[in-house]
N, C-alpha and C. Protein backbone atom coordinates (compact mmCIF):
# COMPACT_ATOMS: atom_id res chain seq x y z
N MET A 1 -21.71 4.18 7.40
CA MET A 1 -20.73 3.23 6.94
C MET A 1 -19.76 3.87 5.95
N LYS A 2 -20.25 4.75 5.09
CA LYS A 2 -19.36 5.42 4.13
C LYS A 2 -18.36 6.32 4.84
N ILE A 3 -18.77 6.93 5.95
CA ILE A 3 -17.86 7.79 6.70
C ILE A 3 -16.73 6.95 7.28
N LEU A 4 -17.07 5.80 7.85
CA LEU A 4 -16.06 4.90 8.41
C LEU A 4 -15.09 4.44 7.32
N HIS A 5 -15.61 4.12 6.18
CA HIS A 5 -14.77 3.68 5.05
C HIS A 5 -13.82 4.80 4.65
N SER A 6 -14.31 6.02 4.59
CA SER A 6 -13.46 7.16 4.23
C SER A 6 -12.39 7.40 5.28
N VAL A 7 -12.74 7.26 6.54
CA VAL A 7 -11.77 7.46 7.61
C VAL A 7 -10.68 6.39 7.54
N VAL A 8 -11.07 5.15 7.31
CA VAL A 8 -10.09 4.07 7.22
C VAL A 8 -9.14 4.32 6.06
N LEU A 9 -9.66 4.73 4.92
CA LEU A 9 -8.80 5.00 3.76
C LEU A 9 -7.86 6.18 4.03
N ALA A 10 -8.35 7.20 4.71
CA ALA A 10 -7.51 8.35 5.05
C ALA A 10 -6.39 7.94 6.00
N VAL A 11 -6.71 7.11 6.97
CA VAL A 11 -5.68 6.64 7.91
C VAL A 11 -4.65 5.79 7.18
N MET A 12 -5.11 4.92 6.29
CA MET A 12 -4.18 4.09 5.53
C MET A 12 -3.27 4.94 4.65
N ALA A 13 -3.82 5.96 4.03
CA ALA A 13 -3.01 6.85 3.20
C ALA A 13 -1.98 7.58 4.06
N GLY A 14 -2.38 8.02 5.24
CA GLY A 14 -1.45 8.69 6.15
C GLY A 14 -0.34 7.76 6.60
N MET A 15 -0.69 6.52 6.89
CA MET A 15 0.32 5.54 7.29
C MET A 15 1.29 5.27 6.15
N LEU A 16 0.78 5.24 4.93
CA LEU A 16 1.64 5.04 3.77
C LEU A 16 2.64 6.19 3.64
N MET A 17 2.17 7.41 3.83
CA MET A 17 3.05 8.57 3.71
C MET A 17 4.13 8.56 4.80
N VAL A 18 3.77 8.20 6.02
CA VAL A 18 4.75 8.11 7.09
C VAL A 18 5.75 7.00 6.80
N GLY A 19 5.25 5.89 6.29
CA GLY A 19 6.13 4.77 5.94
C GLY A 19 7.09 5.12 4.83
N VAL A 20 6.63 5.85 3.84
CA VAL A 20 7.49 6.26 2.73
C VAL A 20 8.56 7.23 3.24
N GLY A 21 8.22 8.05 4.21
CA GLY A 21 9.19 8.98 4.79
C GLY A 21 10.33 8.25 5.47
N GLY A 22 10.08 7.05 5.96
CA GLY A 22 11.11 6.27 6.61
C GLY A 22 11.97 5.47 5.65
N CYS A 23 11.77 5.64 4.37
CA CYS A 23 12.49 4.85 3.36
C CYS A 23 13.78 5.52 2.90
N GLY A 24 14.22 6.56 3.59
CA GLY A 24 15.39 7.32 3.15
C GLY A 24 16.65 6.49 3.01
N GLY A 25 16.88 5.52 3.90
CA GLY A 25 18.09 4.72 3.84
C GLY A 25 17.95 3.45 3.03
N MET A 26 16.83 3.25 2.40
CA MET A 26 16.60 2.02 1.63
C MET A 26 17.11 2.19 0.20
N SER A 27 17.35 1.05 -0.43
CA SER A 27 17.72 1.08 -1.85
C SER A 27 16.51 1.52 -2.67
N LYS A 28 16.76 1.90 -3.90
CA LYS A 28 15.67 2.31 -4.79
C LYS A 28 14.68 1.17 -4.99
N GLN A 29 15.19 -0.05 -5.10
CA GLN A 29 14.30 -1.20 -5.30
C GLN A 29 13.48 -1.47 -4.05
N GLY A 30 14.08 -1.31 -2.88
CA GLY A 30 13.35 -1.48 -1.63
C GLY A 30 12.26 -0.44 -1.46
N GLN A 31 12.57 0.78 -1.84
CA GLN A 31 11.57 1.85 -1.78
C GLN A 31 10.41 1.54 -2.71
N SER A 32 10.70 1.12 -3.91
CA SER A 32 9.65 0.81 -4.88
C SER A 32 8.79 -0.35 -4.40
N THR A 33 9.41 -1.34 -3.77
CA THR A 33 8.66 -2.47 -3.24
C THR A 33 7.71 -2.02 -2.14
N ALA A 34 8.21 -1.19 -1.21
CA ALA A 34 7.39 -0.70 -0.11
C ALA A 34 6.24 0.18 -0.61
N ILE A 35 6.54 1.05 -1.54
CA ILE A 35 5.51 1.93 -2.09
C ILE A 35 4.47 1.10 -2.84
N GLY A 36 4.92 0.14 -3.63
CA GLY A 36 4.00 -0.72 -4.37
C GLY A 36 3.09 -1.51 -3.43
N ALA A 37 3.66 -2.00 -2.33
CA ALA A 37 2.86 -2.75 -1.36
C ALA A 37 1.81 -1.85 -0.71
N GLY A 38 2.18 -0.63 -0.38
CA GLY A 38 1.23 0.30 0.23
C GLY A 38 0.10 0.68 -0.72
N VAL A 39 0.47 1.00 -1.93
CA VAL A 39 -0.54 1.37 -2.92
C VAL A 39 -1.43 0.17 -3.24
N GLY A 40 -0.82 -1.00 -3.35
CA GLY A 40 -1.60 -2.21 -3.61
C GLY A 40 -2.57 -2.53 -2.49
N ALA A 41 -2.13 -2.31 -1.25
CA ALA A 41 -3.02 -2.57 -0.11
C ALA A 41 -4.22 -1.64 -0.13
N ILE A 42 -3.97 -0.38 -0.43
CA ILE A 42 -5.08 0.58 -0.50
C ILE A 42 -6.01 0.22 -1.65
N GLY A 43 -5.43 -0.11 -2.82
CA GLY A 43 -6.26 -0.49 -3.96
C GLY A 43 -7.06 -1.76 -3.70
N GLY A 44 -6.42 -2.74 -3.07
CA GLY A 44 -7.12 -3.98 -2.74
C GLY A 44 -8.25 -3.76 -1.76
N ALA A 45 -8.01 -2.87 -0.79
CA ALA A 45 -9.05 -2.57 0.19
C ALA A 45 -10.23 -1.87 -0.47
N ILE A 46 -9.94 -0.96 -1.37
CA ILE A 46 -11.02 -0.23 -2.06
C ILE A 46 -11.82 -1.18 -2.95
N LEU A 47 -11.12 -2.00 -3.72
CA LEU A 47 -11.80 -2.88 -4.67
C LEU A 47 -12.63 -3.97 -4.01
N THR A 48 -12.23 -4.40 -2.81
CA THR A 48 -12.94 -5.48 -2.15
C THR A 48 -13.79 -5.01 -0.97
N GLY A 49 -13.97 -3.73 -0.85
CA GLY A 49 -14.80 -3.21 0.23
C GLY A 49 -14.15 -3.33 1.60
N GLY A 50 -12.83 -3.38 1.65
CA GLY A 50 -12.12 -3.42 2.92
C GLY A 50 -11.88 -4.80 3.47
N SER A 51 -12.04 -5.83 2.67
CA SER A 51 -11.80 -7.19 3.18
C SER A 51 -10.31 -7.39 3.45
N THR A 52 -10.02 -8.20 4.44
CA THR A 52 -8.64 -8.47 4.80
C THR A 52 -7.90 -9.17 3.67
N ALA A 53 -8.54 -10.14 3.07
CA ALA A 53 -7.91 -10.88 1.98
C ALA A 53 -7.60 -9.96 0.80
N GLY A 54 -8.51 -9.07 0.47
CA GLY A 54 -8.29 -8.13 -0.62
C GLY A 54 -7.15 -7.17 -0.33
N THR A 55 -7.08 -6.70 0.91
CA THR A 55 -6.02 -5.78 1.30
C THR A 55 -4.66 -6.48 1.25
N LEU A 56 -4.57 -7.67 1.82
CA LEU A 56 -3.31 -8.41 1.81
C LEU A 56 -2.92 -8.84 0.40
N GLY A 57 -3.90 -9.26 -0.39
CA GLY A 57 -3.61 -9.63 -1.77
C GLY A 57 -3.11 -8.45 -2.58
N GLY A 58 -3.75 -7.30 -2.38
CA GLY A 58 -3.31 -6.09 -3.08
C GLY A 58 -1.90 -5.69 -2.67
N ALA A 59 -1.59 -5.82 -1.39
CA ALA A 59 -0.25 -5.49 -0.92
C ALA A 59 0.79 -6.42 -1.54
N ALA A 60 0.47 -7.70 -1.61
CA ALA A 60 1.40 -8.66 -2.20
C ALA A 60 1.64 -8.37 -3.68
N VAL A 61 0.57 -8.16 -4.42
CA VAL A 61 0.70 -7.89 -5.85
C VAL A 61 1.43 -6.57 -6.08
N GLY A 62 1.07 -5.55 -5.32
CA GLY A 62 1.74 -4.25 -5.46
C GLY A 62 3.21 -4.31 -5.12
N GLY A 63 3.56 -5.08 -4.08
CA GLY A 63 4.96 -5.23 -3.72
C GLY A 63 5.78 -5.92 -4.80
N VAL A 64 5.21 -6.95 -5.39
CA VAL A 64 5.90 -7.66 -6.47
C VAL A 64 6.08 -6.73 -7.67
N ILE A 65 5.05 -6.01 -8.02
CA ILE A 65 5.16 -5.09 -9.17
C ILE A 65 6.19 -4.01 -8.89
N GLY A 66 6.15 -3.42 -7.69
CA GLY A 66 7.14 -2.40 -7.34
C GLY A 66 8.55 -2.95 -7.37
N HIS A 67 8.74 -4.16 -6.93
CA HIS A 67 10.06 -4.80 -6.93
C HIS A 67 10.57 -5.03 -8.35
N GLU A 68 9.69 -5.49 -9.21
CA GLU A 68 10.08 -5.82 -10.57
C GLU A 68 10.30 -4.60 -11.45
N VAL A 69 9.61 -3.52 -11.16
CA VAL A 69 9.72 -2.32 -11.99
C VAL A 69 11.13 -1.73 -11.90
N THR A 70 11.77 -1.85 -10.74
CA THR A 70 13.08 -1.22 -10.57
C THR A 70 14.25 -2.16 -10.80
N LYS A 71 14.02 -3.33 -11.38
CA LYS A 71 15.13 -4.25 -11.68
C LYS A 71 16.00 -3.70 -12.78
């Protein structure tokens, strides 16, 4: 089970990096929102053991924080 958890986190981190690479044409605030959502999703998944609600909640909170930081 720990191996599966590690693989899922590695895939999520890879997806985040690919997603950030596609942010070249976005505004600074849009980039921060996307990065915050990705980091929040990973953090939420880790803290809640990979639950869907934790991942989505983390993404929402991270996105809001990323959006507000660059105002």
